[in-house]
Amino acid sequence: MNSIKHIDNALKDLDETVQKILLDWSIPLNEKDNLMLPILQQKRVLDQTKEDLEYLRDNPPTPNQACGISKYRED
């Protein structure tokens, strides 16, 4: 699935951005937290979306039936 590849690339970009922020000594710690919070929230959404797409890829729903994603999620 191309969507999964795009999500993997986006996750890689987010990880690189977080690393740059962490390694930049000119940014105060509290500002680093403020910069990283939205990035980490995006990462969580992308991780969940990737899991959902992988589940659908591995367990395709039958026609006229719900996909069943809510059944496999733990939260």
Protein backbone atom coordinates (compact mmCIF):
# COMPACT_ATOMS: atom_id res chain seq x y z
CA MET A 1 0.00 0.00 0.00
CA ASN A 2 1.35 3.38 -0.97
CA SER A 3 -0.35 4.98 2.03
CA ILE A 4 1.78 2.97 4.42
CA LYS A 5 4.94 4.01 2.58
CA HIS A 6 3.91 7.67 2.82
CA ILE A 7 3.21 7.32 6.53
CA ASP A 8 6.58 5.64 7.06
CA ASN A 9 8.27 8.56 5.30
CA ALA A 10 6.33 11.08 7.38
CA LEU A 11 7.27 9.24 10.59
CA LYS A 12 10.92 9.26 9.55
CA ASP A 13 10.74 13.01 8.90
CA LEU A 14 9.15 13.61 12.30
CA ASP A 15 11.85 11.55 14.03
CA GLU A 16 14.54 13.58 12.27
CA THR A 17 12.86 16.83 13.32
CA VAL A 18 12.70 15.69 16.95
CA GLN A 19 16.39 14.73 16.85
CA LYS A 20 17.33 18.14 15.47
CA ILE A 21 15.40 19.85 18.24
CA LEU A 22 16.96 17.64 20.92
CA LEU A 23 20.48 18.21 19.65
CA ASP A 24 20.14 21.99 19.30
CA TRP A 25 21.77 23.41 22.43
CA SER A 26 20.60 26.94 21.63
CA ILE A 27 16.97 26.03 22.38
CA PRO A 28 15.96 26.18 26.07
CA LEU A 29 14.48 22.98 27.51
CA ASN A 30 11.00 24.38 28.05
CA GLU A 31 10.91 25.62 24.45
CA LYS A 32 12.04 22.17 23.25
CA ASP A 33 9.05 20.68 25.06
CA ASN A 34 6.72 23.17 23.39
CA LEU A 35 8.20 22.45 19.97
CA MET A 36 8.09 18.68 20.34
CA LEU A 37 4.58 18.27 21.77
CA PRO A 38 2.70 18.83 18.49
CA ILE A 39 5.25 16.70 16.63
CA LEU A 40 4.80 13.82 19.05
CA GLN A 41 1.01 14.16 18.78
CA GLN A 42 1.29 13.92 14.99
CA LYS A 43 3.52 10.88 15.39
CA ARG A 44 0.94 9.15 17.57
CA VAL A 45 -1.82 9.78 15.02
CA LEU A 46 0.36 8.52 12.18
CA ASP A 47 1.36 5.42 14.15
CA GLN A 48 -2.30 4.57 14.81
CA THR A 49 -3.24 5.22 11.18
CA LYS A 50 -0.42 2.96 10.02
CA GLU A 51 -1.57 0.20 12.38
CA ASP A 52 -5.13 0.54 11.08
CA LEU A 53 -4.03 0.38 7.44
CA GLU A 54 -1.84 -2.64 8.12
CA TYR A 55 -4.76 -4.35 9.84
CA LEU A 56 -7.03 -3.64 6.87
CA ARG A 57 -4.35 -4.83 4.46
CA ASP A 58 -3.97 -8.10 6.37
CA ASN A 59 -7.70 -8.50 7.17
CA PRO A 60 -9.69 -7.04 4.29
CA PRO A 61 -13.40 -6.67 5.07
CA THR A 62 -15.92 -8.57 3.02
CA PRO A 63 -18.30 -6.51 0.86
CA ASN A 64 -21.16 -4.81 2.76
CA GLN A 65 -19.54 -5.51 6.12
CA ALA A 66 -17.88 -3.23 8.67
CA CYS A 67 -14.08 -3.25 8.62
CA GLY A 68 -13.78 -4.37 12.26
CA ILE A 69 -10.89 -2.10 13.24
CA SER A 70 -12.53 -1.19 16.55
CA LYS A 71 -12.48 -4.85 17.56
CA TYR A 72 -8.69 -5.19 17.40
CA ARG A 73 -7.77 -1.90 19.08
CA GLU A 74 -6.89 -2.04 22.74
CA ASP A 75 -7.74 1.59 23.60
